[in-house]
Amino acid sequence: MSLPSNDRTVVVAILAMPRAYALDVSIAAHVFGRHPGYRVLVCGAGEEAGGGESYDDVGAEIRPTHSLADAENADILVVPGYEDPHLPAPDAYLAALRSAFARGGRVVAVCTGVFAVAAGGLLDGKAATTHWRHTEQLRLMHPEIEVVENRLFVEDGGILTSAGAGAGMDACLHVVQSDFGTTVADDVAKEVVFSFVRDANEPQYTEMPARSPETLRATREWAMENIGSAITVQKMADHSVLSRRTFIRRFVRETGMPPMQWVALQRILMARRLLEGSDWSVERVAGASGFGTAANFRTIFRREVGMTPSAYRKSHVESGSAMPRTG
């Protein structure tokens, strides 16, 4: 996929299929509509733009503003979740999906929208996820897919699939982050009053302690405030006033990952923000984000992000945080 020229925006087409959940449609429109780099279209069946049918979902009307021909030429195609995913999706929508993907468009499926993408043959041999209530159904209907359970979203070969509506928000913000960087994604998250950009590996659900309403949020906030310092599991356990063993068990239940894996993720996110939004040297970014030496920072950053810190900064300077990288 090539880099779009600076004089055009990225077209996001949301498929307003019959039985589509209005919430899923509005989530995608709300997130992508918050950045001027995107142009959002709601596309549906009809002979001309804006001439499609309207659909009702729990009292909310979904009225397409553009035709499926517009969807076929979109850069990003969003497939909302819809009721009764075991029923066939309309052929016209599947054809639009195939055409857009064949032209190099990216696909984002929210919740049961994955069933339409699978029916279009785009997920054969790929990994995908959906809402936990539908994972077994997806596995039975489409054995050619590697169904990943209890993940917020999964990205494979230009197709991003997500769990329920909340995870759909995460998926859309992930696209914004990939296109425009972490800082812009954080700003969009604030605009839509979403707490933060969550990682794909976080679980859809966690088993919370049955008798304890307390969480470890205060300890996580403390860790973020001290991310440039030496943080250990024992220091975090001491802050939470729990034994090390109890702390680790509760932390994993709340976040879906071990404490130090979570800390490493936060350090990478902090480093990305600093590389995008400051002119600090690599050495200073390494210290501020808790990686210690520049050499250690370069090694870990390249392993986790896929490029060196300098290359990451250059890619965002060249794009001016105004147009996305689509490769």
C-alpha atoms as a PDB file:
ATOM      1  CA  MET A   1       0.000   0.000   0.000  1.00  0.00           C
ATOM      2  CA  SER A   2       1.398   3.390  -0.989  1.00  0.00           C
ATOM      3  CA  LEU A   3       1.567   6.583   1.039  1.00  0.00           C
ATOM      4  CA  PRO A   4      -1.343   8.900   0.219  1.00  0.00           C
ATOM      5  CA  SER A   5      -0.425  12.310  -1.121  1.00  0.00           C
ATOM      6  CA  ASN A   6      -0.671  15.230   1.276  1.00  0.00           C
ATOM      7  CA  ASP A   7      -3.537  16.833  -0.662  1.00  0.00           C
ATOM      8  CA  ARG A   8      -6.100  14.126   0.045  1.00  0.00           C
ATOM      9  CA  THR A   9      -7.769  12.606   3.054  1.00  0.00           C
ATOM     10  CA  VAL A  10      -8.247   8.943   3.825  1.00  0.00           C
ATOM     11  CA  VAL A  11     -11.731   7.743   2.942  1.00  0.00           C
ATOM     12  CA  VAL A  12     -13.412   5.574   5.590  1.00  0.00           C
ATOM     13  CA  ALA A  13     -16.533   3.747   4.391  1.00  0.00           C
ATOM     14  CA  ILE A  14     -18.848   2.283   7.030  1.00  0.00           C
ATOM     15  CA  LEU A  15     -21.089  -0.458   5.650  1.00  0.00           C
ATOM     16  CA  ALA A  16     -24.683   0.096   6.776  1.00  0.00           C
ATOM     17  CA  MET A  17     -25.785  -3.484   6.224  1.00  0.00           C
ATOM     18  CA  PRO A  18     -29.277  -4.706   7.105  1.00  0.00           C
ATOM     19  CA  ARG A  19     -29.443  -5.731  10.793  1.00  0.00           C
ATOM     20  CA  ALA A  20     -26.381  -3.586  11.569  1.00  0.00           C
ATOM     21  CA  TYR A  21     -26.028  -2.295  15.110  1.00  0.00           C
ATOM     22  CA  ALA A  22     -26.425   1.485  15.117  1.00  0.00           C
ATOM     23  CA  LEU A  23     -23.957   1.756  18.007  1.00  0.00           C
ATOM     24  CA  ASP A  24     -21.176   0.105  15.995  1.00  0.00           C
ATOM     25  CA  VAL A  25     -21.848   2.445  13.071  1.00  0.00           C
ATOM     26  CA  SER A  26     -21.759   5.519  15.303  1.00  0.00           C
ATOM     27  CA  ILE A  27     -18.577   4.429  17.107  1.00  0.00           C
ATOM     28  CA  ALA A  28     -16.593   4.265  13.878  1.00  0.00           C
ATOM     29  CA  ALA A  29     -18.097   7.519  12.632  1.00  0.00           C
ATOM     30  CA  HIS A  30     -17.360   9.218  15.963  1.00  0.00           C
ATOM     31  CA  VAL A  31     -13.697   8.129  16.181  1.00  0.00           C
ATOM     32  CA  PHE A  32     -12.659   8.695  12.570  1.00  0.00           C
ATOM     33  CA  GLY A  33     -14.738  11.834  12.311  1.00  0.00           C
ATOM     34  CA  ARG A  34     -12.624  13.457  15.034  1.00  0.00           C
ATOM     35  CA  HIS A  35      -9.551  13.830  12.800  1.00  0.00           C
ATOM     36  CA  PRO A  36      -9.410  15.919   9.614  1.00  0.00           C
ATOM     37  CA  GLY A  37      -7.259  13.307   7.926  1.00  0.00           C
ATOM     38  CA  TYR A  38     -10.311  11.079   7.508  1.00  0.00           C
ATOM     39  CA  ARG A  39     -13.469  11.483   5.432  1.00  0.00           C
ATOM     40  CA  VAL A  40     -16.267   9.255   6.730  1.00  0.00           C
ATOM     41  CA  LEU A  41     -18.973   7.812   4.461  1.00  0.00           C
ATOM     42  CA  VAL A  42     -21.900   5.630   5.517  1.00  0.00           C
ATOM     43  CA  CYS A  43     -22.459   3.329   2.547  1.00  0.00           C
ATOM     44  CA  GLY A  44     -25.378   1.092   1.685  1.00  0.00           C
ATOM     45  CA  ALA A  45     -27.403  -0.446  -1.123  1.00  0.00           C
ATOM     46  CA  GLY A  46     -29.006   1.894  -3.604  1.00  0.00           C
ATOM     47  CA  GLU A  47     -28.729   2.955  -7.189  1.00  0.00           C
ATOM     48  CA  GLU A  48     -27.159   6.298  -6.364  1.00  0.00           C
ATOM     49  CA  ALA A  49     -25.327   7.969  -3.514  1.00  0.00           C
ATOM     50  CA  GLY A  50     -27.687   8.602  -0.646  1.00  0.00           C
ATOM     51  CA  GLY A  51     -30.392   6.515  -2.243  1.00  0.00           C
ATOM     52  CA  GLY A  52     -30.069   3.441  -0.101  1.00  0.00           C
ATOM     53  CA  GLU A  53     -32.564   1.934   2.259  1.00  0.00           C
ATOM     54  CA  SER A  54     -32.673   2.985   5.889  1.00  0.00           C
ATOM     55  CA  TYR A  55     -32.546   0.431   8.686  1.00  0.00           C
ATOM     56  CA  ASP A  56     -33.741   0.550  12.258  1.00  0.00           C
ATOM     57  CA  ASP A  57     -31.866  -0.836  15.246  1.00  0.00           C
ATOM     58  CA  VAL A  58     -33.353  -0.413  18.707  1.00  0.00           C
ATOM     59  CA  GLY A  59     -35.135   2.750  17.631  1.00  0.00           C
ATOM     60  CA  ALA A  60     -32.096   4.262  15.899  1.00  0.00           C
ATOM     61  CA  GLU A  61     -32.214   4.802  12.173  1.00  0.00           C
ATOM     62  CA  ILE A  62     -29.203   3.997  10.006  1.00  0.00           C
ATOM     63  CA  ARG A  63     -29.502   5.833   6.710  1.00  0.00           C
ATOM     64  CA  PRO A  64     -26.703   5.397   4.147  1.00  0.00           C
ATOM     65  CA  THR A  65     -25.371   8.621   2.675  1.00  0.00           C
ATOM     66  CA  HIS A  66     -23.317   6.998  -0.088  1.00  0.00           C
ATOM     67  CA  SER A  67     -23.516   3.987  -2.365  1.00  0.00           C
ATOM     68  CA  LEU A  68     -21.640   0.709  -2.271  1.00  0.00           C
ATOM     69  CA  ALA A  69     -19.651   1.903  -5.292  1.00  0.00           C
ATOM     70  CA  ASP A  70     -18.164   4.553  -2.998  1.00  0.00           C
ATOM     71  CA  ALA A  71     -17.311   1.837  -0.477  1.00  0.00           C
ATOM     72  CA  GLU A  72     -15.430  -0.146  -3.102  1.00  0.00           C
ATOM     73  CA  ASN A  73     -13.022   2.765  -3.574  1.00  0.00           C
ATOM     74  CA  ALA A  74     -12.500   3.470   0.130  1.00  0.00           C
ATOM     75  CA  ASP A  75      -9.130   3.306   1.855  1.00  0.00           C
ATOM     76  CA  ILE A  76     -10.656   1.794   5.005  1.00  0.00           C
ATOM     77  CA  LEU A  77     -13.831  -0.283   5.119  1.00  0.00           C
ATOM     78  CA  VAL A  78     -15.568  -0.655   8.493  1.00  0.00           C
ATOM     79  CA  VAL A  79     -17.976  -3.580   8.905  1.00  0.00           C
ATOM     80  CA  PRO A  80     -20.220  -3.025  11.964  1.00  0.00           C
ATOM     81  CA  GLY A  81     -21.628  -5.865  13.985  1.00  0.00           C
ATOM     82  CA  TYR A  82     -25.094  -7.072  13.044  1.00  0.00           C
ATOM     83  CA  GLU A  83     -27.860  -9.255  14.447  1.00  0.00           C
ATOM     84  CA  ASP A  84     -28.199 -12.954  13.576  1.00  0.00           C
ATOM     85  CA  PRO A  85     -24.709 -13.358  12.087  1.00  0.00           C
ATOM     86  CA  HIS A  86     -25.529 -16.956  11.138  1.00  0.00           C
ATOM     87  CA  LEU A  87     -27.810 -15.568   8.415  1.00  0.00           C
ATOM     88  CA  PRO A  88     -26.171 -14.760   5.051  1.00  0.00           C
ATOM     89  CA  ALA A  89     -24.924 -11.228   4.497  1.00  0.00           C
ATOM     90  CA  PRO A  90     -26.247  -9.574   1.301  1.00  0.00           C
ATOM     91  CA  ASP A  91     -24.148 -10.425  -1.754  1.00  0.00           C
ATOM     92  CA  ALA A  92     -23.815  -6.773  -2.763  1.00  0.00           C
ATOM     93  CA  TYR A  93     -22.062  -5.942   0.503  1.00  0.00           C
ATOM     94  CA  LEU A  94     -19.746  -8.951   0.235  1.00  0.00           C
ATOM     95  CA  ALA A  95     -18.840  -7.889  -3.299  1.00  0.00           C
ATOM     96  CA  ALA A  96     -18.016  -4.383  -2.061  1.00  0.00           C
ATOM     97  CA  LEU A  97     -15.822  -5.882   0.657  1.00  0.00           C
ATOM     98  CA  ARG A  98     -13.911  -8.044  -1.801  1.00  0.00           C
ATOM     99  CA  SER A  99     -13.470  -5.195  -4.246  1.00  0.00           C
ATOM    100  CA  ALA A 100     -12.221  -2.710  -1.655  1.00  0.00           C
ATOM    101  CA  PHE A 101      -9.786  -5.226  -0.195  1.00  0.00           C
ATOM    102  CA  ALA A 102      -8.519  -6.241  -3.629  1.00  0.00           C
ATOM    103  CA  ARG A 103      -7.797  -2.569  -4.352  1.00  0.00           C
ATOM    104  CA  GLY A 104      -5.626  -2.397  -1.241  1.00  0.00           C
ATOM    105  CA  GLY A 105      -8.140  -1.090   1.273  1.00  0.00           C
ATOM    106  CA  ARG A 106      -7.930  -2.027   4.923  1.00  0.00           C
ATOM    107  CA  VAL A 107     -10.861  -3.719   6.647  1.00  0.00           C
ATOM    108  CA  VAL A 108     -12.022  -3.160  10.244  1.00  0.00           C
ATOM    109  CA  ALA A 109     -14.696  -5.551  11.520  1.00  0.00           C
ATOM    110  CA  VAL A 110     -16.489  -4.729  14.765  1.00  0.00           C
ATOM    111  CA  CYS A 111     -17.997  -7.588  16.789  1.00  0.00           C
ATOM    112  CA  THR A 112     -20.086  -9.863  14.532  1.00  0.00           C
ATOM    113  CA  GLY A 113     -19.017  -7.898  11.463  1.00  0.00           C
ATOM    114  CA  VAL A 114     -16.291 -10.543  11.252  1.00  0.00           C
ATOM    115  CA  PHE A 115     -18.902 -13.005   9.940  1.00  0.00           C
ATOM    116  CA  ALA A 116     -19.446 -10.875   6.830  1.00  0.00           C
ATOM    117  CA  VAL A 117     -15.701 -10.567   6.261  1.00  0.00           C
ATOM    118  CA  ALA A 118     -15.368 -14.324   6.659  1.00  0.00           C
ATOM    119  CA  ALA A 119     -18.271 -14.959   4.280  1.00  0.00           C
ATOM    120  CA  GLY A 120     -16.473 -12.816   1.726  1.00  0.00           C
ATOM    121  CA  GLY A 121     -13.500 -15.189   1.873  1.00  0.00           C
ATOM    122  CA  LEU A 122     -11.099 -12.524   3.127  1.00  0.00           C
ATOM    123  CA  LEU A 123     -10.143 -14.329   6.342  1.00  0.00           C
ATOM    124  CA  ASP A 124      -9.184 -17.739   4.950  1.00  0.00           C
ATOM    125  CA  GLY A 125      -5.961 -18.789   6.656  1.00  0.00           C
ATOM    126  CA  LYS A 126      -5.899 -15.673   8.839  1.00  0.00           C
ATOM    127  CA  ALA A 127      -6.345 -15.051  12.561  1.00  0.00           C
ATOM    128  CA  ALA A 128      -9.447 -13.223  13.785  1.00  0.00           C
ATOM    129  CA  THR A 129     -11.521 -12.594  16.874  1.00  0.00           C
ATOM    130  CA  THR A 130     -15.047 -11.513  17.801  1.00  0.00           C
ATOM    131  CA  HIS A 131     -17.208 -11.044  20.881  1.00  0.00           C
ATOM    132  CA  TRP A 132     -16.686 -13.932  23.282  1.00  0.00           C
ATOM    133  CA  ARG A 133     -20.310 -15.014  22.893  1.00  0.00           C
ATOM    134  CA  HIS A 134     -19.741 -15.712  19.191  1.00  0.00           C
ATOM    135  CA  THR A 135     -16.253 -17.235  19.040  1.00  0.00           C
ATOM    136  CA  GLU A 136     -17.480 -20.827  18.989  1.00  0.00           C
ATOM    137  CA  GLN A 137     -20.061 -20.028  16.319  1.00  0.00           C
ATOM    138  CA  LEU A 138     -17.360 -18.371  14.208  1.00  0.00           C
ATOM    139  CA  ARG A 139     -15.119 -21.410  14.604  1.00  0.00           C
ATOM    140  CA  LEU A 140     -17.883 -23.802  13.570  1.00  0.00           C
ATOM    141  CA  MET A 141     -19.052 -21.762  10.580  1.00  0.00           C
ATOM    142  CA  HIS A 142     -15.558 -20.917   9.341  1.00  0.00           C
ATOM    143  CA  PRO A 143     -13.031 -23.613  10.293  1.00  0.00           C
ATOM    144  CA  GLU A 144     -10.551 -22.063   7.855  1.00  0.00           C
ATOM    145  CA  ILE A 145     -10.047 -19.157  10.283  1.00  0.00           C
ATOM    146  CA  GLU A 146      -7.720 -19.219  13.293  1.00  0.00           C
ATOM    147  CA  VAL A 147     -10.164 -17.935  15.909  1.00  0.00           C
ATOM    148  CA  VAL A 148      -8.404 -16.101  18.754  1.00  0.00           C
ATOM    149  CA  GLU A 149     -10.368 -15.958  21.994  1.00  0.00           C
ATOM    150  CA  ASN A 150     -10.479 -13.265  24.673  1.00  0.00           C
ATOM    151  CA  ARG A 151      -8.623 -10.556  22.740  1.00  0.00           C
ATOM    152  CA  LEU A 152      -9.755  -6.988  22.197  1.00  0.00           C
ATOM    153  CA  PHE A 153      -8.747  -7.092  18.560  1.00  0.00           C
ATOM    154  CA  VAL A 154      -6.571  -9.009  16.120  1.00  0.00           C
ATOM    155  CA  GLU A 155      -4.813  -7.628  13.046  1.00  0.00           C
ATOM    156  CA  ASP A 156      -3.742  -9.935  10.240  1.00  0.00           C
ATOM    157  CA  GLY A 157      -2.937  -9.078   6.647  1.00  0.00           C
ATOM    158  CA  GLY A 158      -4.711  -5.746   6.421  1.00  0.00           C
ATOM    159  CA  ILE A 159      -7.806  -6.979   8.263  1.00  0.00           C
ATOM    160  CA  LEU A 160      -8.537  -5.949  11.832  1.00  0.00           C
ATOM    161  CA  THR A 161     -11.249  -7.814  13.751  1.00  0.00           C
ATOM    162  CA  SER A 162     -12.490  -6.825  17.197  1.00  0.00           C
ATOM    163  CA  ALA A 163     -14.794  -7.896  19.997  1.00  0.00           C
ATOM    164  CA  GLY A 164     -17.867  -5.918  21.113  1.00  0.00           C
ATOM    165  CA  ALA A 165     -18.635  -2.211  20.797  1.00  0.00           C
ATOM    166  CA  GLY A 166     -16.035  -1.131  23.366  1.00  0.00           C
ATOM    167  CA  ALA A 167     -13.327  -3.112  21.590  1.00  0.00           C
ATOM    168  CA  GLY A 168     -14.531  -1.536  18.342  1.00  0.00           C
ATOM    169  CA  MET A 169     -13.507   1.791  19.835  1.00  0.00           C
ATOM    170  CA  ASP A 170     -10.089   0.314  20.635  1.00  0.00           C
ATOM    171  CA  ALA A 171      -9.771  -1.026  17.084  1.00  0.00           C
ATOM    172  CA  CYS A 172     -10.600   2.325  15.491  1.00  0.00           C
ATOM    173  CA  LEU A 173      -8.180   4.134  17.797  1.00  0.00           C
ATOM    174  CA  HIS A 174      -5.526   1.565  16.892  1.00  0.00           C
ATOM    175  CA  VAL A 175      -6.000   2.501  13.228  1.00  0.00           C
ATOM    176  CA  VAL A 176      -5.641   6.184  14.101  1.00  0.00           C
ATOM    177  CA  GLN A 177      -2.489   5.361  16.058  1.00  0.00           C
ATOM    178  CA  SER A 178      -1.051   3.394  13.133  1.00  0.00           C
ATOM    179  CA  ASP A 179      -1.878   6.191  10.694  1.00  0.00           C
ATOM    180  CA  PHE A 180      -1.063   9.324  12.671  1.00  0.00           C
ATOM    181  CA  GLY A 181       0.888   8.220  15.740  1.00  0.00           C
ATOM    182  CA  THR A 182       0.362   7.705  19.437  1.00  0.00           C
ATOM    183  CA  THR A 183      -0.017  11.374  20.359  1.00  0.00           C
ATOM    184  CA  VAL A 184      -2.821  11.963  17.860  1.00  0.00           C
ATOM    185  CA  ALA A 185      -4.559   8.745  18.953  1.00  0.00           C
ATOM    186  CA  ASP A 186      -4.386   9.912  22.565  1.00  0.00           C
ATOM    187  CA  ASP A 187      -5.949  13.239  21.573  1.00  0.00           C
ATOM    188  CA  VAL A 188      -8.761  11.493  19.695  1.00  0.00           C
ATOM    189  CA  ALA A 189      -9.335   9.200  22.690  1.00  0.00           C
ATOM    190  CA  LYS A 190      -9.734  12.285  24.887  1.00  0.00           C
ATOM    191  CA  GLU A 191     -12.138  13.847  22.391  1.00  0.00           C
ATOM    192  CA  VAL A 192     -14.389  10.792  22.469  1.00  0.00           C
ATOM    193  CA  VAL A 193     -13.964  10.541  26.273  1.00  0.00           C
ATOM    194  CA  PHE A 194     -12.195   7.202  26.106  1.00  0.00           C
ATOM    195  CA  SER A 195      -9.671   6.511  28.849  1.00  0.00           C
ATOM    196  CA  PHE A 196      -6.642   5.513  26.731  1.00  0.00           C
ATOM    197  CA  VAL A 197      -5.544   3.519  23.705  1.00  0.00           C
ATOM    198  CA  ARG A 198      -5.517  -0.104  24.829  1.00  0.00           C
ATOM    199  CA  ASP A 199      -3.245  -2.752  23.371  1.00  0.00           C
ATOM    200  CA  ALA A 200      -4.555  -5.596  21.197  1.00  0.00           C
ATOM    201  CA  ASN A 201      -3.296  -8.216  23.646  1.00  0.00           C
ATOM    202  CA  GLU A 202      -5.507  -7.025  26.477  1.00  0.00           C
ATOM    203  CA  PRO A 203      -8.396  -9.410  27.231  1.00  0.00           C
ATOM    204  CA  GLN A 204     -12.078  -8.843  26.521  1.00  0.00           C
ATOM    205  CA  TYR A 205     -12.931  -9.819  30.053  1.00  0.00           C
ATOM    206  CA  THR A 206     -11.181 -10.630  33.319  1.00  0.00           C
ATOM    207  CA  GLU A 207     -12.145 -12.628  36.359  1.00  0.00           C
ATOM    208  CA  MET A 208     -12.356 -10.032  39.117  1.00  0.00           C
ATOM    209  CA  PRO A 209     -12.062 -10.991  42.811  1.00  0.00           C
ATOM    210  CA  ALA A 210     -15.542 -11.880  44.039  1.00  0.00           C
ATOM    211  CA  ARG A 211     -15.438 -10.006  47.340  1.00  0.00           C
ATOM    212  CA  SER A 212     -13.094  -7.102  46.653  1.00  0.00           C
ATOM    213  CA  PRO A 213     -14.367  -3.973  44.904  1.00  0.00           C
ATOM    214  CA  GLU A 214     -10.906  -2.363  45.163  1.00  0.00           C
ATOM    215  CA  THR A 215      -8.730  -2.148  42.072  1.00  0.00           C
ATOM    216  CA  LEU A 216      -5.059  -1.474  41.487  1.00  0.00           C
ATOM    217  CA  ARG A 217      -5.713   1.694  39.487  1.00  0.00           C
ATOM    218  CA  ALA A 218      -3.859   3.864  42.012  1.00  0.00           C
ATOM    219  CA  THR A 219      -0.787   1.657  41.738  1.00  0.00           C
ATOM    220  CA  ARG A 220      -0.900   1.748  37.941  1.00  0.00           C
ATOM    221  CA  GLU A 221      -1.180   5.554  38.056  1.00  0.00           C
ATOM    222  CA  TRP A 222       1.794   5.648  40.442  1.00  0.00           C
ATOM    223  CA  ALA A 223       3.791   3.504  38.023  1.00  0.00           C
ATOM    224  CA  MET A 224       2.939   5.843  35.126  1.00  0.00           C
ATOM    225  CA  GLU A 225       4.042   8.875  37.147  1.00  0.00           C
ATOM    226  CA  ASN A 226       7.364   7.132  37.873  1.00  0.00           C
ATOM    227  CA  ILE A 227       7.819   5.367  34.528  1.00  0.00           C
ATOM    228  CA  GLY A 228      11.325   6.813  34.114  1.00  0.00           C
ATOM    229  CA  SER A 229      12.478   5.318  37.422  1.00  0.00           C
ATOM    230  CA  ALA A 230      13.403   1.772  38.352  1.00  0.00           C
ATOM    231  CA  ILE A 231      10.085  -0.038  38.871  1.00  0.00           C
ATOM    232  CA  THR A 232       9.925  -3.565  40.242  1.00  0.00           C
ATOM    233  CA  VAL A 233       7.099  -5.926  41.072  1.00  0.00           C
ATOM    234  CA  GLN A 234       7.977  -5.600  44.750  1.00  0.00           C
ATOM    235  CA  LYS A 235       7.769  -1.787  44.641  1.00  0.00           C
ATOM    236  CA  MET A 236       4.358  -2.006  42.998  1.00  0.00           C
ATOM    237  CA  ALA A 237       3.206  -4.588  45.555  1.00  0.00           C
ATOM    238  CA  ASP A 238       4.421  -2.374  48.398  1.00  0.00           C
ATOM    239  CA  HIS A 239       2.526   0.590  46.933  1.00  0.00           C
ATOM    240  CA  SER A 240      -0.664  -1.478  46.802  1.00  0.00           C
ATOM    241  CA  VAL A 241      -0.096  -2.717  50.374  1.00  0.00           C
ATOM    242  CA  LEU A 242      -0.424  -6.315  49.209  1.00  0.00           C
ATOM    243  CA  SER A 243       1.867  -9.290  49.355  1.00  0.00           C
ATOM    244  CA  ARG A 244       3.861  -9.871  46.171  1.00  0.00           C
ATOM    245  CA  ARG A 245       1.925 -13.035  45.337  1.00  0.00           C
ATOM    246  CA  THR A 246      -1.514 -11.459  45.896  1.00  0.00           C
ATOM    247  CA  PHE A 247      -0.519  -8.361  43.972  1.00  0.00           C
ATOM    248  CA  ILE A 248       0.590 -10.337  40.908  1.00  0.00           C
ATOM    249  CA  ARG A 249      -2.599 -12.414  40.937  1.00  0.00           C
ATOM    250  CA  ARG A 250      -4.857  -9.345  41.129  1.00  0.00           C
ATOM    251  CA  PHE A 251      -2.808  -7.406  38.590  1.00  0.00           C
ATOM    252  CA  VAL A 252      -3.135 -10.154  35.999  1.00  0.00           C
ATOM    253  CA  ARG A 253      -6.874 -10.385  36.669  1.00  0.00           C
ATOM    254  CA  GLU A 254      -7.333  -6.664  36.104  1.00  0.00           C
ATOM    255  CA  THR A 255      -5.024  -6.088  33.129  1.00  0.00           C
ATOM    256  CA  GLY A 256      -4.661  -9.505  31.512  1.00  0.00           C
ATOM    257  CA  MET A 257      -0.868  -9.397  31.701  1.00  0.00           C
ATOM    258  CA  PRO A 258       1.944  -9.706  34.290  1.00  0.00           C
ATOM    259  CA  PRO A 259       3.045  -6.468  36.004  1.00  0.00           C
ATOM    260  CA  MET A 260       6.401  -6.051  34.264  1.00  0.00           C
ATOM    261  CA  GLN A 261       4.932  -6.810  30.840  1.00  0.00           C
ATOM    262  CA  TRP A 262       2.439  -4.009  31.474  1.00  0.00           C
ATOM    263  CA  VAL A 263       5.250  -1.671  32.585  1.00  0.00           C
ATOM    264  CA  ALA A 264       7.231  -2.482  29.422  1.00  0.00           C
ATOM    265  CA  LEU A 265       4.182  -1.658  27.291  1.00  0.00           C
ATOM    266  CA  GLN A 266       3.702   1.696  29.039  1.00  0.00           C
ATOM    267  CA  ARG A 267       7.376   2.533  28.500  1.00  0.00           C
ATOM    268  CA  ILE A 268       7.091   1.825  24.788  1.00  0.00           C
ATOM    269  CA  LEU A 269       3.990   4.036  24.566  1.00  0.00           C
ATOM    270  CA  MET A 270       5.743   6.827  26.484  1.00  0.00           C
ATOM    271  CA  ALA A 271       8.771   6.584  24.208  1.00  0.00           C
ATOM    272  CA  ARG A 272       6.576   6.766  21.107  1.00  0.00           C
ATOM    273  CA  ARG A 273       4.862   9.906  22.406  1.00  0.00           C
ATOM    274  CA  LEU A 274       8.214  11.563  23.141  1.00  0.00           C
ATOM    275  CA  LEU A 275       9.669  10.617  19.756  1.00  0.00           C
ATOM    276  CA  GLU A 276       6.601  12.019  18.009  1.00  0.00           C
ATOM    277  CA  GLY A 277       6.124  15.176  20.060  1.00  0.00           C
ATOM    278  CA  SER A 278       9.566  16.350  21.161  1.00  0.00           C
ATOM    279  CA  ASP A 279      13.047  16.962  19.769  1.00  0.00           C
ATOM    280  CA  TRP A 280      14.707  15.165  22.665  1.00  0.00           C
ATOM    281  CA  SER A 281      17.728  13.026  21.894  1.00  0.00           C
ATOM    282  CA  VAL A 282      17.359   9.250  21.864  1.00  0.00           C
ATOM    283  CA  GLU A 283      19.404   9.147  25.071  1.00  0.00           C
ATOM    284  CA  ARG A 284      17.011  11.540  26.830  1.00  0.00           C
ATOM    285  CA  VAL A 285      13.936   9.652  25.600  1.00  0.00           C
ATOM    286  CA  ALA A 286      15.503   6.408  26.829  1.00  0.00           C
ATOM    287  CA  GLY A 287      15.986   7.843  30.314  1.00  0.00           C
ATOM    288  CA  ALA A 288      12.571   9.507  30.546  1.00  0.00           C
ATOM    289  CA  SER A 289      10.731   6.355  29.510  1.00  0.00           C
ATOM    290  CA  GLY A 290      12.663   4.081  31.863  1.00  0.00           C
ATOM    291  CA  PHE A 291      14.881   2.171  29.446  1.00  0.00           C
ATOM    292  CA  GLY A 292      18.127   3.376  30.960  1.00  0.00           C
ATOM    293  CA  THR A 293      20.782   3.395  28.269  1.00  0.00           C
ATOM    294  CA  ALA A 294      20.219   4.380  24.655  1.00  0.00           C
ATOM    295  CA  ALA A 295      21.607   1.022  23.511  1.00  0.00           C
ATOM    296  CA  ASN A 296      19.084  -0.906  25.612  1.00  0.00           C
ATOM    297  CA  PHE A 297      16.301   1.381  24.400  1.00  0.00           C
ATOM    298  CA  ARG A 298      17.199   0.894  20.730  1.00  0.00           C
ATOM    299  CA  THR A 299      17.251  -2.884  21.090  1.00  0.00           C
ATOM    300  CA  ILE A 300      13.901  -3.156  22.877  1.00  0.00           C
ATOM    301  CA  PHE A 301      12.174  -0.501  20.762  1.00  0.00           C
ATOM    302  CA  ARG A 302      13.195  -2.151  17.507  1.00  0.00           C
ATOM    303  CA  ARG A 303      12.049  -5.538  18.771  1.00  0.00           C
ATOM    304  CA  GLU A 304       8.638  -4.248  19.864  1.00  0.00           C
ATOM    305  CA  VAL A 305       7.885  -1.615  17.211  1.00  0.00           C
ATOM    306  CA  GLY A 306       9.764  -3.028  14.225  1.00  0.00           C
ATOM    307  CA  MET A 307      12.050  -0.043  13.590  1.00  0.00           C
ATOM    308  CA  THR A 308      14.710   1.987  15.361  1.00  0.00           C
ATOM    309  CA  PRO A 309      13.716   5.038  17.441  1.00  0.00           C
ATOM    310  CA  SER A 310      15.331   7.348  14.859  1.00  0.00           C
ATOM    311  CA  ALA A 311      13.466   5.710  11.981  1.00  0.00           C
ATOM    312  CA  TYR A 312      10.199   5.919  13.927  1.00  0.00           C
ATOM    313  CA  ARG A 313      10.702   9.638  14.579  1.00  0.00           C
ATOM    314  CA  LYS A 314      11.668  10.266  10.942  1.00  0.00           C
ATOM    315  CA  SER A 315       8.527   8.519   9.672  1.00  0.00           C
ATOM    316  CA  HIS A 316       6.359  10.845  11.755  1.00  0.00           C
ATOM    317  CA  VAL A 317       8.336  13.990  10.916  1.00  0.00           C
ATOM    318  CA  GLU A 318       8.039  13.201   7.196  1.00  0.00           C
ATOM    319  CA  SER A 319       4.294  12.666   7.499  1.00  0.00           C
ATOM    320  CA  GLY A 320       3.990  15.778   9.648  1.00  0.00           C
ATOM    321  CA  SER A 321       1.395  13.856  11.687  1.00  0.00           C
ATOM    322  CA  ALA A 322      -0.968  15.008   8.971  1.00  0.00           C
ATOM    323  CA  MET A 323      -1.227  12.015   6.682  1.00  0.00           C
ATOM    324  CA  PRO A 324      -1.069   8.357   7.644  1.00  0.00           C
ATOM    325  CA  ARG A 325       1.386   5.681   6.734  1.00  0.00           C
ATOM    326  CA  THR A 326      -0.548   2.945   4.972  1.00  0.00           C
ATOM    327  CA  GLY A 327       2.231   0.485   4.365  1.00  0.00           C
END
